[in-house]
Amino acid sequence: MTVAFIDAHRDRFPVAAMCRVLVFSERTFYAVKARPLSARSVSDTARRATIVVEWKANYSCYGARRLHKHLQRQGHTIARCTVARLMGDLGIRGVQRGRRQFTTHPDKTAGTATRSR
């Protein structure tokens, strides 16, 4: 998060000054920039594309469980928790049938709670 912030604002401020203000090592910033992408992030990039294509091919209805089963049938080896995590990152979700059930109904005439000190 800090590296992304520094990288986004390095055209306006020097990296050394931002690192000093944010109490972040300048050496760490450059080490993170030089480090290659992790295996998980590389595989996630490819999997995101697959998930979006298959989710749209199924009318954008499938949730994580059903999409995971569909991907398994298609021959993609991917864990259900990974499908759920990537769907959350992409901001896509399955369709929920029916209405949400509310177990309580708020009293519109009641005042709000205030905290006294």
PDB file of N, CA and C in Angstrom:
ATOM      1  N   MET A   1       0.823  -1.179   0.000  1.00  0.00           N
ATOM      2  CA  MET A   1       0.000   0.000   0.000  1.00  0.00           C
ATOM      3  C   MET A   1       0.875   1.253   0.000  1.00  0.00           C
ATOM      4  N   THR A   2       1.877   1.281   0.850  1.00  0.00           N
ATOM      5  CA  THR A   2       2.768   2.435   0.918  1.00  0.00           C
ATOM      6  C   THR A   2       3.580   2.557  -0.358  1.00  0.00           C
ATOM      7  N   VAL A   3       4.039   1.427  -0.883  1.00  0.00           N
ATOM      8  CA  VAL A   3       4.830   1.445  -2.117  1.00  0.00           C
ATOM      9  C   VAL A   3       3.992   1.980  -3.269  1.00  0.00           C
ATOM     10  N   ALA A   4       2.732   1.567  -3.336  1.00  0.00           N
ATOM     11  CA  ALA A   4       1.846   2.043  -4.399  1.00  0.00           C
ATOM     12  C   ALA A   4       1.613   3.552  -4.276  1.00  0.00           C
ATOM     13  N   PHE A   5       1.476   4.039  -3.041  1.00  0.00           N
ATOM     14  CA  PHE A   5       1.271   5.475  -2.823  1.00  0.00           C
ATOM     15  C   PHE A   5       2.500   6.265  -3.263  1.00  0.00           C
ATOM     16  N   ILE A   6       3.666   5.799  -2.843  1.00  0.00           N
ATOM     17  CA  ILE A   6       4.902   6.494  -3.206  1.00  0.00           C
ATOM     18  C   ILE A   6       5.099   6.471  -4.716  1.00  0.00           C
ATOM     19  N   ASP A   7       4.822   5.329  -5.321  1.00  0.00           N
ATOM     20  CA  ASP A   7       4.990   5.201  -6.767  1.00  0.00           C
ATOM     21  C   ASP A   7       4.020   6.112  -7.526  1.00  0.00           C
ATOM     22  N   ALA A   8       2.815   6.282  -6.998  1.00  0.00           N
ATOM     23  CA  ALA A   8       1.818   7.121  -7.659  1.00  0.00           C
ATOM     24  C   ALA A   8       2.165   8.609  -7.569  1.00  0.00           C
ATOM     25  N   HIS A   9       2.896   8.993  -6.516  1.00  0.00           N
ATOM     26  CA  HIS A   9       3.183  10.416  -6.303  1.00  0.00           C
ATOM     27  C   HIS A   9       4.651  10.778  -6.524  1.00  0.00           C
ATOM     28  N   ARG A  10       5.424   9.896  -7.099  1.00  0.00           N
ATOM     29  CA  ARG A  10       6.860  10.169  -7.251  1.00  0.00           C
ATOM     30  C   ARG A  10       7.138  11.226  -8.305  1.00  0.00           C
ATOM     31  N   ASP A  11       6.162  11.548  -9.156  1.00  0.00           N
ATOM     32  CA  ASP A  11       6.380  12.622 -10.129  1.00  0.00           C
ATOM     33  C   ASP A  11       6.235  14.002  -9.481  1.00  0.00           C
ATOM     34  N   ARG A  12       5.560  14.079  -8.340  1.00  0.00           N
ATOM     35  CA  ARG A  12       5.352  15.362  -7.655  1.00  0.00           C
ATOM     36  C   ARG A  12       6.354  15.613  -6.537  1.00  0.00           C
ATOM     37  N   PHE A  13       6.759  14.512  -5.836  1.00  0.00           N
ATOM     38  CA  PHE A  13       7.659  14.646  -4.693  1.00  0.00           C
ATOM     39  C   PHE A  13       8.807  13.664  -4.825  1.00  0.00           C
ATOM     40  N   PRO A  14       9.960  13.977  -4.262  1.00  0.00           N
ATOM     41  CA  PRO A  14      11.067  13.025  -4.296  1.00  0.00           C
ATOM     42  C   PRO A  14      10.764  11.796  -3.435  1.00  0.00           C
ATOM     43  N   VAL A  15      11.249  10.655  -3.868  1.00  0.00           N
ATOM     44  CA  VAL A  15      11.005   9.407  -3.153  1.00  0.00           C
ATOM     45  C   VAL A  15      11.590   9.467  -1.754  1.00  0.00           C
ATOM     46  N   ALA A  16      12.779  10.017  -1.616  1.00  0.00           N
ATOM     47  CA  ALA A  16      13.439  10.080  -0.306  1.00  0.00           C
ATOM     48  C   ALA A  16      12.602  10.896   0.685  1.00  0.00           C
ATOM     49  N   ALA A  17      12.040  11.998   0.230  1.00  0.00           N
ATOM     50  CA  ALA A  17      11.238  12.839   1.121  1.00  0.00           C
ATOM     51  C   ALA A  17       9.953  12.125   1.542  1.00  0.00           C
ATOM     52  N   MET A  18       9.305  11.455   0.602  1.00  0.00           N
ATOM     53  CA  MET A  18       8.073  10.735   0.949  1.00  0.00           C
ATOM     54  C   MET A  18       8.364   9.594   1.915  1.00  0.00           C
ATOM     55  N   CYS A  19       9.460   8.895   1.692  1.00  0.00           N
ATOM     56  CA  CYS A  19       9.818   7.791   2.592  1.00  0.00           C
ATOM     57  C   CYS A  19      10.102   8.313   3.990  1.00  0.00           C
ATOM     58  N   ARG A  20      10.754   9.462   4.094  1.00  0.00           N
ATOM     59  CA  ARG A  20      11.045  10.050   5.400  1.00  0.00           C
ATOM     60  C   ARG A  20       9.755  10.434   6.123  1.00  0.00           C
ATOM     61  N   VAL A  21       8.809  11.053   5.408  1.00  0.00           N
ATOM     62  CA  VAL A  21       7.551  11.489   6.017  1.00  0.00           C
ATOM     63  C   VAL A  21       6.693  10.294   6.425  1.00  0.00           C
ATOM     64  N   LEU A  22       6.670   9.260   5.593  1.00  0.00           N
ATOM     65  CA  LEU A  22       5.848   8.080   5.862  1.00  0.00           C
ATOM     66  C   LEU A  22       6.535   7.066   6.768  1.00  0.00           C
ATOM     67  N   VAL A  23       7.753   7.362   7.202  1.00  0.00           N
ATOM     68  CA  VAL A  23       8.562   6.470   8.032  1.00  0.00           C
ATOM     69  C   VAL A  23       8.637   5.092   7.371  1.00  0.00           C
ATOM     70  N   PHE A  24       9.120   5.118   6.147  1.00  0.00           N
ATOM     71  CA  PHE A  24       9.237   3.916   5.327  1.00  0.00           C
ATOM     72  C   PHE A  24      10.631   3.935   4.721  1.00  0.00           C
ATOM     73  N   SER A  25      11.343   2.845   4.819  1.00  0.00           N
ATOM     74  CA  SER A  25      12.713   2.793   4.346  1.00  0.00           C
ATOM     75  C   SER A  25      12.777   2.953   2.831  1.00  0.00           C
ATOM     76  N   GLU A  26      13.632   3.849   2.397  1.00  0.00           N
ATOM     77  CA  GLU A  26      13.809   4.070   0.958  1.00  0.00           C
ATOM     78  C   GLU A  26      14.390   2.818   0.302  1.00  0.00           C
ATOM     79  N   ARG A  27      15.236   2.145   1.037  1.00  0.00           N
ATOM     80  CA  ARG A  27      15.845   0.913   0.535  1.00  0.00           C
ATOM     81  C   ARG A  27      14.784  -0.171   0.317  1.00  0.00           C
ATOM     82  N   THR A  28      13.816  -0.241   1.219  1.00  0.00           N
ATOM     83  CA  THR A  28      12.723  -1.200   1.086  1.00  0.00           C
ATOM     84  C   THR A  28      11.876  -0.883  -0.126  1.00  0.00           C
ATOM     85  N   PHE A  29      11.624   0.403  -0.366  1.00  0.00           N
ATOM     86  CA  PHE A  29      10.827   0.803  -1.525  1.00  0.00           C
ATOM     87  C   PHE A  29      11.477   0.301  -2.815  1.00  0.00           C
ATOM     88  N   TYR A  30      12.760   0.531  -2.969  1.00  0.00           N
ATOM     89  CA  TYR A  30      13.440   0.108  -4.192  1.00  0.00           C
ATOM     90  C   TYR A  30      13.585  -1.408  -4.263  1.00  0.00           C
ATOM     91  N   ALA A  31      13.677  -2.084  -3.120  1.00  0.00           N
ATOM     92  CA  ALA A  31      13.750  -3.549  -3.108  1.00  0.00           C
ATOM     93  C   ALA A  31      12.431  -4.151  -3.583  1.00  0.00           C
ATOM     94  N   VAL A  32      11.329  -3.575  -3.153  1.00  0.00           N
ATOM     95  CA  VAL A  32      10.011  -4.065  -3.571  1.00  0.00           C
ATOM     96  C   VAL A  32       9.817  -3.833  -5.062  1.00  0.00           C
ATOM     97  N   LYS A  33      10.275  -2.697  -5.563  1.00  0.00           N
ATOM     98  CA  LYS A  33      10.132  -2.398  -6.990  1.00  0.00           C
ATOM     99  C   LYS A  33      10.961  -3.354  -7.856  1.00  0.00           C
ATOM    100  N   ALA A  34      12.118  -3.790  -7.350  1.00  0.00           N
ATOM    101  CA  ALA A  34      13.006  -4.663  -8.123  1.00  0.00           C
ATOM    102  C   ALA A  34      12.597  -6.132  -8.020  1.00  0.00           C
ATOM    103  N   ARG A  35      11.803  -6.464  -7.025  1.00  0.00           N
ATOM    104  CA  ARG A  35      11.418  -7.850  -6.799  1.00  0.00           C
ATOM    105  C   ARG A  35      10.485  -8.329  -7.911  1.00  0.00           C
ATOM    106  N   PRO A  36      10.677  -9.564  -8.410  1.00  0.00           N
ATOM    107  CA  PRO A  36       9.771 -10.079  -9.443  1.00  0.00           C
ATOM    108  C   PRO A  36       8.393 -10.395  -8.848  1.00  0.00           C
ATOM    109  N   LEU A  37       7.406 -10.483  -9.706  1.00  0.00           N
ATOM    110  CA  LEU A  37       6.054 -10.806  -9.248  1.00  0.00           C
ATOM    111  C   LEU A  37       6.024 -12.205  -8.649  1.00  0.00           C
ATOM    112  N   SER A  38       5.189 -12.392  -7.650  1.00  0.00           N
ATOM    113  CA  SER A  38       5.075 -13.703  -7.019  1.00  0.00           C
ATOM    114  C   SER A  38       4.326 -14.660  -7.938  1.00  0.00           C
ATOM    115  N   ALA A  39       4.490 -15.941  -7.664  1.00  0.00           N
ATOM    116  CA  ALA A  39       3.817 -16.961  -8.474  1.00  0.00           C
ATOM    117  C   ALA A  39       2.302 -16.823  -8.343  1.00  0.00           C
ATOM    118  N   ARG A  40       1.836 -16.457  -7.151  1.00  0.00           N
ATOM    119  CA  ARG A  40       0.396 -16.303  -6.938  1.00  0.00           C
ATOM    120  C   ARG A  40      -0.162 -15.153  -7.771  1.00  0.00           C
ATOM    121  N   SER A  41       0.526 -14.027  -7.812  1.00  0.00           N
ATOM    122  CA  SER A  41       0.002 -12.897  -8.574  1.00  0.00           C
ATOM    123  C   SER A  41       0.023 -13.181 -10.074  1.00  0.00           C
ATOM    124  N   VAL A  42       1.020 -13.931 -10.535  1.00  0.00           N
ATOM    125  CA  VAL A  42       1.077 -14.286 -11.950  1.00  0.00           C
ATOM    126  C   VAL A  42      -0.075 -15.218 -12.307  1.00  0.00           C
ATOM    127  N   SER A  43      -0.309 -16.233 -11.458  1.00  0.00           N
ATOM    128  CA  SER A  43      -1.397 -17.169 -11.749  1.00  0.00           C
ATOM    129  C   SER A  43      -2.758 -16.504 -11.571  1.00  0.00           C
ATOM    130  N   ASP A  44      -2.865 -15.570 -10.620  1.00  0.00           N
ATOM    131  CA  ASP A  44      -4.130 -14.861 -10.417  1.00  0.00           C
ATOM    132  C   ASP A  44      -4.523 -14.040 -11.642  1.00  0.00           C
ATOM    133  N   THR A  45      -3.547 -13.459 -12.313  1.00  0.00           N
ATOM    134  CA  THR A  45      -3.834 -12.668 -13.509  1.00  0.00           C
ATOM    135  C   THR A  45      -4.479 -13.524 -14.594  1.00  0.00           C
ATOM    136  N   ALA A  46      -3.922 -14.713 -14.802  1.00  0.00           N
ATOM    137  CA  ALA A  46      -4.492 -15.612 -15.811  1.00  0.00           C
ATOM    138  C   ALA A  46      -5.847 -16.138 -15.373  1.00  0.00           C
ATOM    139  N   ARG A  47      -5.973 -16.441 -14.096  1.00  0.00           N
ATOM    140  CA  ARG A  47      -7.230 -16.995 -13.588  1.00  0.00           C
ATOM    141  C   ARG A  47      -8.347 -15.965 -13.598  1.00  0.00           C
ATOM    142  N   ARG A  48      -8.022 -14.700 -13.353  1.00  0.00           N
ATOM    143  CA  ARG A  48      -9.047 -13.650 -13.389  1.00  0.00           C
ATOM    144  C   ARG A  48      -9.712 -13.594 -14.758  1.00  0.00           C
ATOM    145  N   ALA A  49      -8.898 -13.675 -15.795  1.00  0.00           N
ATOM    146  CA  ALA A  49      -9.448 -13.626 -17.151  1.00  0.00           C
ATOM    147  C   ALA A  49     -10.362 -14.818 -17.408  1.00  0.00           C
ATOM    148  N   THR A  50      -9.943 -16.002 -16.972  1.00  0.00           N
ATOM    149  CA  THR A  50     -10.757 -17.202 -17.143  1.00  0.00           C
ATOM    150  C   THR A  50     -12.071 -17.092 -16.384  1.00  0.00           C
ATOM    151  N   ILE A  51     -12.005 -16.604 -15.160  1.00  0.00           N
ATOM    152  CA  ILE A  51     -13.206 -16.484 -14.329  1.00  0.00           C
ATOM    153  C   ILE A  51     -14.202 -15.513 -14.958  1.00  0.00           C
ATOM    154  N   VAL A  52     -13.726 -14.386 -15.437  1.00  0.00           N
ATOM    155  CA  VAL A  52     -14.636 -13.401 -16.043  1.00  0.00           C
ATOM    156  C   VAL A  52     -15.287 -13.960 -17.298  1.00  0.00           C
ATOM    157  N   VAL A  53     -14.505 -14.641 -18.130  1.00  0.00           N
ATOM    158  CA  VAL A  53     -15.054 -15.208 -19.369  1.00  0.00           C
ATOM    159  C   VAL A  53     -16.120 -16.248 -19.058  1.00  0.00           C
ATOM    160  N   GLU A  54     -15.833 -17.152 -18.143  1.00  0.00           N
ATOM    161  CA  GLU A  54     -16.796 -18.212 -17.815  1.00  0.00           C
ATOM    162  C   GLU A  54     -18.008 -17.658 -17.072  1.00  0.00           C
ATOM    163  N   TRP A  55     -17.811 -16.660 -16.238  1.00  0.00           N
ATOM    164  CA  TRP A  55     -18.924 -16.058 -15.496  1.00  0.00           C
ATOM    165  C   TRP A  55     -19.885 -15.368 -16.466  1.00  0.00           C
ATOM    166  N   LYS A  56     -19.337 -14.643 -17.444  1.00  0.00           N
ATOM    167  CA  LYS A  56     -20.181 -13.976 -18.434  1.00  0.00           C
ATOM    168  C   LYS A  56     -20.835 -14.976 -19.375  1.00  0.00           C
ATOM    169  N   ALA A  57     -20.142 -16.076 -19.681  1.00  0.00           N
ATOM    170  CA  ALA A  57     -20.702 -17.098 -20.569  1.00  0.00           C
ATOM    171  C   ALA A  57     -21.906 -17.789 -19.935  1.00  0.00           C
ATOM    172  N   ASN A  58     -21.989 -17.752 -18.606  1.00  0.00           N
ATOM    173  CA  ASN A  58     -23.105 -18.355 -17.901  1.00  0.00           C
ATOM    174  C   ASN A  58     -24.075 -17.292 -17.387  1.00  0.00           C
ATOM    175  N   TYR A  59     -24.255 -16.255 -18.173  1.00  0.00           N
ATOM    176  CA  TYR A  59     -25.244 -15.191 -17.927  1.00  0.00           C
ATOM    177  C   TYR A  59     -25.006 -14.434 -16.625  1.00  0.00           C
ATOM    178  N   SER A  60     -23.779 -14.405 -16.162  1.00  0.00           N
ATOM    179  CA  SER A  60     -23.403 -13.678 -14.939  1.00  0.00           C
ATOM    180  C   SER A  60     -24.224 -14.119 -13.738  1.00  0.00           C
ATOM    181  N   CYS A  61     -24.591 -15.378 -13.702  1.00  0.00           N
ATOM    182  CA  CYS A  61     -25.432 -15.892 -12.627  1.00  0.00           C
ATOM    183  C   CYS A  61     -24.661 -16.721 -11.606  1.00  0.00           C
ATOM    184  N   TYR A  62     -23.588 -17.336 -12.021  1.00  0.00           N
ATOM    185  CA  TYR A  62     -22.901 -18.292 -11.162  1.00  0.00           C
ATOM    186  C   TYR A  62     -22.183 -17.608 -10.006  1.00  0.00           C
ATOM    187  N   GLY A  63     -22.335 -18.201  -8.827  1.00  0.00           N
ATOM    188  CA  GLY A  63     -21.575 -17.788  -7.662  1.00  0.00           C
ATOM    189  C   GLY A  63     -20.273 -18.572  -7.611  1.00  0.00           C
ATOM    190  N   ALA A  64     -19.542 -18.427  -6.513  1.00  0.00           N
ATOM    191  CA  ALA A  64     -18.224 -19.050  -6.407  1.00  0.00           C
ATOM    192  C   ALA A  64     -18.307 -20.575  -6.451  1.00  0.00           C
ATOM    193  N   ARG A  65     -19.264 -21.153  -5.736  1.00  0.00           N
ATOM    194  CA  ARG A  65     -19.363 -22.623  -5.697  1.00  0.00           C
ATOM    195  C   ARG A  65     -19.695 -23.203  -7.058  1.00  0.00           C
ATOM    196  N   ARG A  66     -20.688 -22.638  -7.701  1.00  0.00           N
ATOM    197  CA  ARG A  66     -21.122 -23.161  -8.993  1.00  0.00           C
ATOM    198  C   ARG A  66     -20.071 -22.888 -10.075  1.00  0.00           C
ATOM    199  N   LEU A  67     -19.454 -21.725 -10.032  1.00  0.00           N
ATOM    200  CA  LEU A  67     -18.413 -21.401 -10.998  1.00  0.00           C
ATOM    201  C   LEU A  67     -17.203 -22.313 -10.809  1.00  0.00           C
ATOM    202  N   HIS A  68     -16.885 -22.635  -9.558  1.00  0.00           N
ATOM    203  CA  HIS A  68     -15.787 -23.564  -9.284  1.00  0.00           C
ATOM    204  C   HIS A  68     -16.072 -24.923  -9.905  1.00  0.00           C
ATOM    205  N   LYS A  69     -17.278 -25.424  -9.730  1.00  0.00           N
ATOM    206  CA  LYS A  69     -17.640 -26.713 -10.319  1.00  0.00           C
ATOM    207  C   LYS A  69     -17.577 -26.654 -11.842  1.00  0.00           C
ATOM    208  N   HIS A  70     -18.035 -25.550 -12.408  1.00  0.00           N
ATOM    209  CA  HIS A  70     -17.995 -25.377 -13.859  1.00  0.00           C
ATOM    210  C   HIS A  70     -16.551 -25.368 -14.371  1.00  0.00           C
ATOM    211  N   LEU A  71     -15.683 -24.657 -13.676  1.00  0.00           N
ATOM    212  CA  LEU A  71     -14.280 -24.599 -14.078  1.00  0.00           C
ATOM    213  C   LEU A  71     -13.610 -25.962 -13.973  1.00  0.00           C
ATOM    214  N   GLN A  72     -13.982 -26.732 -12.942  1.00  0.00           N
ATOM    215  CA  GLN A  72     -13.431 -28.085 -12.797  1.00  0.00           C
ATOM    216  C   GLN A  72     -13.850 -28.958 -13.980  1.00  0.00           C
ATOM    217  N   ARG A  73     -15.113 -28.826 -14.387  1.00  0.00           N
ATOM    218  CA  ARG A  73     -15.598 -29.603 -15.537  1.00  0.00           C
ATOM    219  C   ARG A  73     -14.888 -29.194 -16.820  1.00  0.00           C
ATOM    220  N   GLN A  74     -14.501 -27.918 -16.919  1.00  0.00           N
ATOM    221  CA  GLN A  74     -13.799 -27.424 -18.099  1.00  0.00           C
ATOM    222  C   GLN A  74     -12.323 -27.823 -18.113  1.00  0.00           C
ATOM    223  N   GLY A  75     -11.833 -28.357 -16.991  1.00  0.00           N
ATOM    224  CA  GLY A  75     -10.443 -28.806 -16.915  1.00  0.00           C
ATOM    225  C   GLY A  75      -9.492 -27.831 -16.259  1.00  0.00           C
ATOM    226  N   HIS A  76     -10.011 -26.769 -15.643  1.00  0.00           N
ATOM    227  CA  HIS A  76      -9.164 -25.807 -14.939  1.00  0.00           C
ATOM    228  C   HIS A  76      -8.985 -26.275 -13.499  1.00  0.00           C
ATOM    229  N   THR A  77      -7.748 -26.364 -13.048  1.00  0.00           N
ATOM    230  CA  THR A  77      -7.473 -26.749 -11.667  1.00  0.00           C
ATOM    231  C   THR A  77      -7.345 -25.481 -10.847  1.00  0.00           C
ATOM    232  N   ILE A  78      -8.363 -25.203 -10.065  1.00  0.00           N
ATOM    233  CA  ILE A  78      -8.395 -23.995  -9.246  1.00  0.00           C
ATOM    234  C   ILE A  78      -9.242 -24.289  -8.011  1.00  0.00           C
ATOM    235  N   ALA A  79      -8.807 -23.812  -6.871  1.00  0.00           N
ATOM    236  CA  ALA A  79      -9.510 -24.071  -5.617  1.00  0.00           C
ATOM    237  C   ALA A  79     -10.753 -23.185  -5.502  1.00  0.00           C
ATOM    238  N   ARG A  80     -11.749 -23.668  -4.776  1.00  0.00           N
ATOM    239  CA  ARG A  80     -12.986 -22.911  -4.610  1.00  0.00           C
ATOM    240  C   ARG A  80     -12.735 -21.609  -3.865  1.00  0.00           C
ATOM    241  N   CYS A  81     -11.860 -21.663  -2.857  1.00  0.00           N
ATOM    242  CA  CYS A  81     -11.570 -20.443  -2.102  1.00  0.00           C
ATOM    243  C   CYS A  81     -10.862 -19.411  -2.973  1.00  0.00           C
ATOM    244  N   THR A  82     -10.070 -19.872  -3.935  1.00  0.00           N
ATOM    245  CA  THR A  82      -9.404 -18.964  -4.864  1.00  0.00           C
ATOM    246  C   THR A  82     -10.413 -18.321  -5.796  1.00  0.00           C
ATOM    247  N   VAL A  83     -11.381 -19.099  -6.254  1.00  0.00           N
ATOM    248  CA  VAL A  83     -12.439 -18.552  -7.104  1.00  0.00           C
ATOM    249  C   VAL A  83     -13.212 -17.487  -6.331  1.00  0.00           C
ATOM    250  N   ALA A  84     -13.536 -17.780  -5.076  1.00  0.00           N
ATOM    251  CA  ALA A  84     -14.282 -16.818  -4.254  1.00  0.00           C
ATOM    252  C   ALA A  84     -13.461 -15.548  -4.034  1.00  0.00           C
ATOM    253  N   ARG A  85     -12.170 -15.686  -3.751  1.00  0.00           N
ATOM    254  CA  ARG A  85     -11.303 -14.527  -3.513  1.00  0.00           C
ATOM    255  C   ARG A  85     -11.181 -13.669  -4.762  1.00  0.00           C
ATOM    256  N   LEU A  86     -10.973 -14.305  -5.906  1.00  0.00           N
ATOM    257  CA  LEU A  86     -10.816 -13.548  -7.142  1.00  0.00           C
ATOM    258  C   LEU A  86     -12.127 -12.911  -7.586  1.00  0.00           C
ATOM    259  N   MET A  87     -13.249 -13.594  -7.353  1.00  0.00           N
ATOM    260  CA  MET A  87     -14.540 -12.980  -7.677  1.00  0.00           C
ATOM    261  C   MET A  87     -14.763 -11.743  -6.822  1.00  0.00           C
ATOM    262  N   GLY A  88     -14.374 -11.817  -5.562  1.00  0.00           N
ATOM    263  CA  GLY A  88     -14.484 -10.645  -4.696  1.00  0.00           C
ATOM    264  C   GLY A  88     -13.598  -9.504  -5.159  1.00  0.00           C
ATOM    265  N   ASP A  89     -12.374  -9.840  -5.573  1.00  0.00           N
ATOM    266  CA  ASP A  89     -11.461  -8.814  -6.083  1.00  0.00           C
ATOM    267  C   ASP A  89     -12.005  -8.158  -7.347  1.00  0.00           C
ATOM    268  N   LEU A  90     -12.644  -8.966  -8.191  1.00  0.00           N
ATOM    269  CA  LEU A  90     -13.196  -8.448  -9.446  1.00  0.00           C
ATOM    270  C   LEU A  90     -14.523  -7.717  -9.246  1.00  0.00           C
ATOM    271  N   GLY A  91     -15.130  -7.908  -8.085  1.00  0.00           N
ATOM    272  CA  GLY A  91     -16.414  -7.267  -7.816  1.00  0.00           C
ATOM    273  C   GLY A  91     -17.586  -7.950  -8.481  1.00  0.00           C
ATOM    274  N   ILE A  92     -17.440  -9.244  -8.767  1.00  0.00           N
ATOM    275  CA  ILE A  92     -18.548  -9.980  -9.376  1.00  0.00           C
ATOM    276  C   ILE A  92     -19.081 -10.979  -8.372  1.00  0.00           C
ATOM    277  N   ARG A  93     -20.354 -11.291  -8.489  1.00  0.00           N
ATOM    278  CA  ARG A  93     -20.982 -12.244  -7.580  1.00  0.00           C
ATOM    279  C   ARG A  93     -22.133 -12.921  -8.289  1.00  0.00           C
ATOM    280  N   GLY A  94     -22.586 -14.006  -7.690  1.00  0.00           N
ATOM    281  CA  GLY A  94     -23.685 -14.747  -8.270  1.00  0.00           C
ATOM    282  C   GLY A  94     -25.024 -14.116  -7.951  1.00  0.00           C
ATOM    283  N   VAL A  95     -26.032 -14.602  -8.623  1.00  0.00           N
ATOM    284  CA  VAL A  95     -27.382 -14.103  -8.416  1.00  0.00           C
ATOM    285  C   VAL A  95     -27.988 -14.801  -7.211  1.00  0.00           C
ATOM    286  N   GLN A  96     -28.664 -14.035  -6.356  1.00  0.00           N
ATOM    287  CA  GLN A  96     -29.371 -14.622  -5.214  1.00  0.00           C
ATOM    288  C   GLN A  96     -30.853 -14.617  -5.526  1.00  0.00           C
ATOM    289  N   ARG A  97     -31.451 -15.754  -5.361  1.00  0.00           N
ATOM    290  CA  ARG A  97     -32.874 -15.868  -5.647  1.00  0.00           C
ATOM    291  C   ARG A  97     -33.680 -15.455  -4.414  1.00  0.00           C
ATOM    292  N   GLY A  98     -34.818 -14.848  -4.652  1.00  0.00           N
ATOM    293  CA  GLY A  98     -35.688 -14.450  -3.552  1.00  0.00           C
ATOM    294  C   GLY A  98     -35.281 -13.123  -2.945  1.00  0.00           C
ATOM    295  N   ARG A  99     -36.065 -12.681  -1.991  1.00  0.00           N
ATOM    296  CA  ARG A  99     -35.789 -11.419  -1.318  1.00  0.00           C
ATOM    297  C   ARG A  99     -34.967 -11.665  -0.074  1.00  0.00           C
ATOM    298  N   ARG A 100     -34.243 -10.643   0.346  1.00  0.00           N
ATOM    299  CA  ARG A 100     -33.514 -10.749   1.608  1.00  0.00           C
ATOM    300  C   ARG A 100     -34.516 -10.743   2.743  1.00  0.00           C
ATOM    301  N   GLN A 101     -34.285 -11.561   3.735  1.00  0.00           N
ATOM    302  CA  GLN A 101     -35.187 -11.634   4.869  1.00  0.00           C
ATOM    303  C   GLN A 101     -34.631 -10.810   6.019  1.00  0.00           C
ATOM    304  N   PHE A 102     -35.432  -9.916   6.516  1.00  0.00           N
ATOM    305  CA  PHE A 102     -35.061  -9.124   7.679  1.00  0.00           C
ATOM    306  C   PHE A 102     -35.818  -9.675   8.872  1.00  0.00           C
ATOM    307  N   THR A 103     -35.106  -9.990   9.928  1.00  0.00           N
ATOM    308  CA  THR A 103     -35.758 -10.593  11.095  1.00  0.00           C
ATOM    309  C   THR A 103     -36.303  -9.542  12.049  1.00  0.00           C
ATOM    310  N   THR A 104     -35.805  -8.331  11.971  1.00  0.00           N
ATOM    311  CA  THR A 104     -36.310  -7.266  12.839  1.00  0.00           C
ATOM    312  C   THR A 104     -36.711  -6.074  11.986  1.00  0.00           C
ATOM    313  N   HIS A 105     -37.621  -5.291  12.497  1.00  0.00           N
ATOM    314  CA  HIS A 105     -38.085  -4.093  11.811  1.00  0.00           C
ATOM    315  C   HIS A 105     -37.795  -2.903  12.713  1.00  0.00           C
ATOM    316  N   PRO A 106     -37.034  -1.934  12.257  1.00  0.00           N
ATOM    317  CA  PRO A 106     -36.684  -0.805  13.119  1.00  0.00           C
ATOM    318  C   PRO A 106     -37.891   0.083  13.389  1.00  0.00           C
ATOM    319  N   ASP A 107     -37.927   0.651  14.571  1.00  0.00           N
ATOM    320  CA  ASP A 107     -38.981   1.576  14.955  1.00  0.00           C
ATOM    321  C   ASP A 107     -38.613   2.953  14.424  1.00  0.00           C
ATOM    322  N   LYS A 108     -39.373   3.446  13.482  1.00  0.00           N
ATOM    323  CA  LYS A 108     -39.064   4.732  12.843  1.00  0.00           C
ATOM    324  C   LYS A 108     -39.264   5.906  13.796  1.00  0.00           C
ATOM    325  N   THR A 109     -40.104   5.733  14.815  1.00  0.00           N
ATOM    326  CA  THR A 109     -40.385   6.839  15.729  1.00  0.00           C
ATOM    327  C   THR A 109     -39.365   6.920  16.853  1.00  0.00           C
ATOM    328  N   ALA A 110     -38.599   5.872  17.071  1.00  0.00           N
ATOM    329  CA  ALA A 110     -37.620   5.889  18.174  1.00  0.00           C
ATOM    330  C   ALA A 110     -36.427   6.772  17.797  1.00  0.00           C
ATOM    331  N   GLY A 111     -35.905   7.435  18.812  1.00  0.00           N
ATOM    332  CA  GLY A 111     -34.736   8.282  18.587  1.00  0.00           C
ATOM    333  C   GLY A 111     -33.483   7.443  18.466  1.00  0.00           C
ATOM    334  N   THR A 112     -32.417   8.074  18.043  1.00  0.00           N
ATOM    335  CA  THR A 112     -31.152   7.358  17.942  1.00  0.00           C
ATOM    336  C   THR A 112     -30.449   7.354  19.278  1.00  0.00           C
ATOM    337  N   ALA A 113     -29.628   6.378  19.489  1.00  0.00           N
ATOM    338  CA  ALA A 113     -28.899   6.268  20.746  1.00  0.00           C
ATOM    339  C   ALA A 113     -27.792   7.303  20.776  1.00  0.00           C
ATOM    340  N   THR A 114     -27.652   7.959  21.894  1.00  0.00           N
ATOM    341  CA  THR A 114     -26.571   8.922  22.061  1.00  0.00           C
ATOM    342  C   THR A 114     -25.699   8.454  23.204  1.00  0.00           C
ATOM    343  N   ARG A 115     -24.442   8.776  23.107  1.00  0.00           N
ATOM    344  CA  ARG A 115     -23.487   8.343  24.113  1.00  0.00           C
ATOM    345  C   ARG A 115     -23.164   9.530  24.993  1.00  0.00           C
ATOM    346  N   SER A 116     -23.395   9.390  26.279  1.00  0.00           N
ATOM    347  CA  SER A 116     -23.084  10.491  27.194  1.00  0.00           C
ATOM    348  C   SER A 116     -21.779  10.187  27.907  1.00  0.00           C
ATOM    349  N   ARG A 117     -21.056  11.237  28.201  1.00  0.00           N
ATOM    350  CA  ARG A 117     -19.752  11.053  28.867  1.00  0.00           C
ATOM    351  C   ARG A 117     -19.795  11.537  30.269  1.00  0.00           C
TER     352      ARG A 117
END
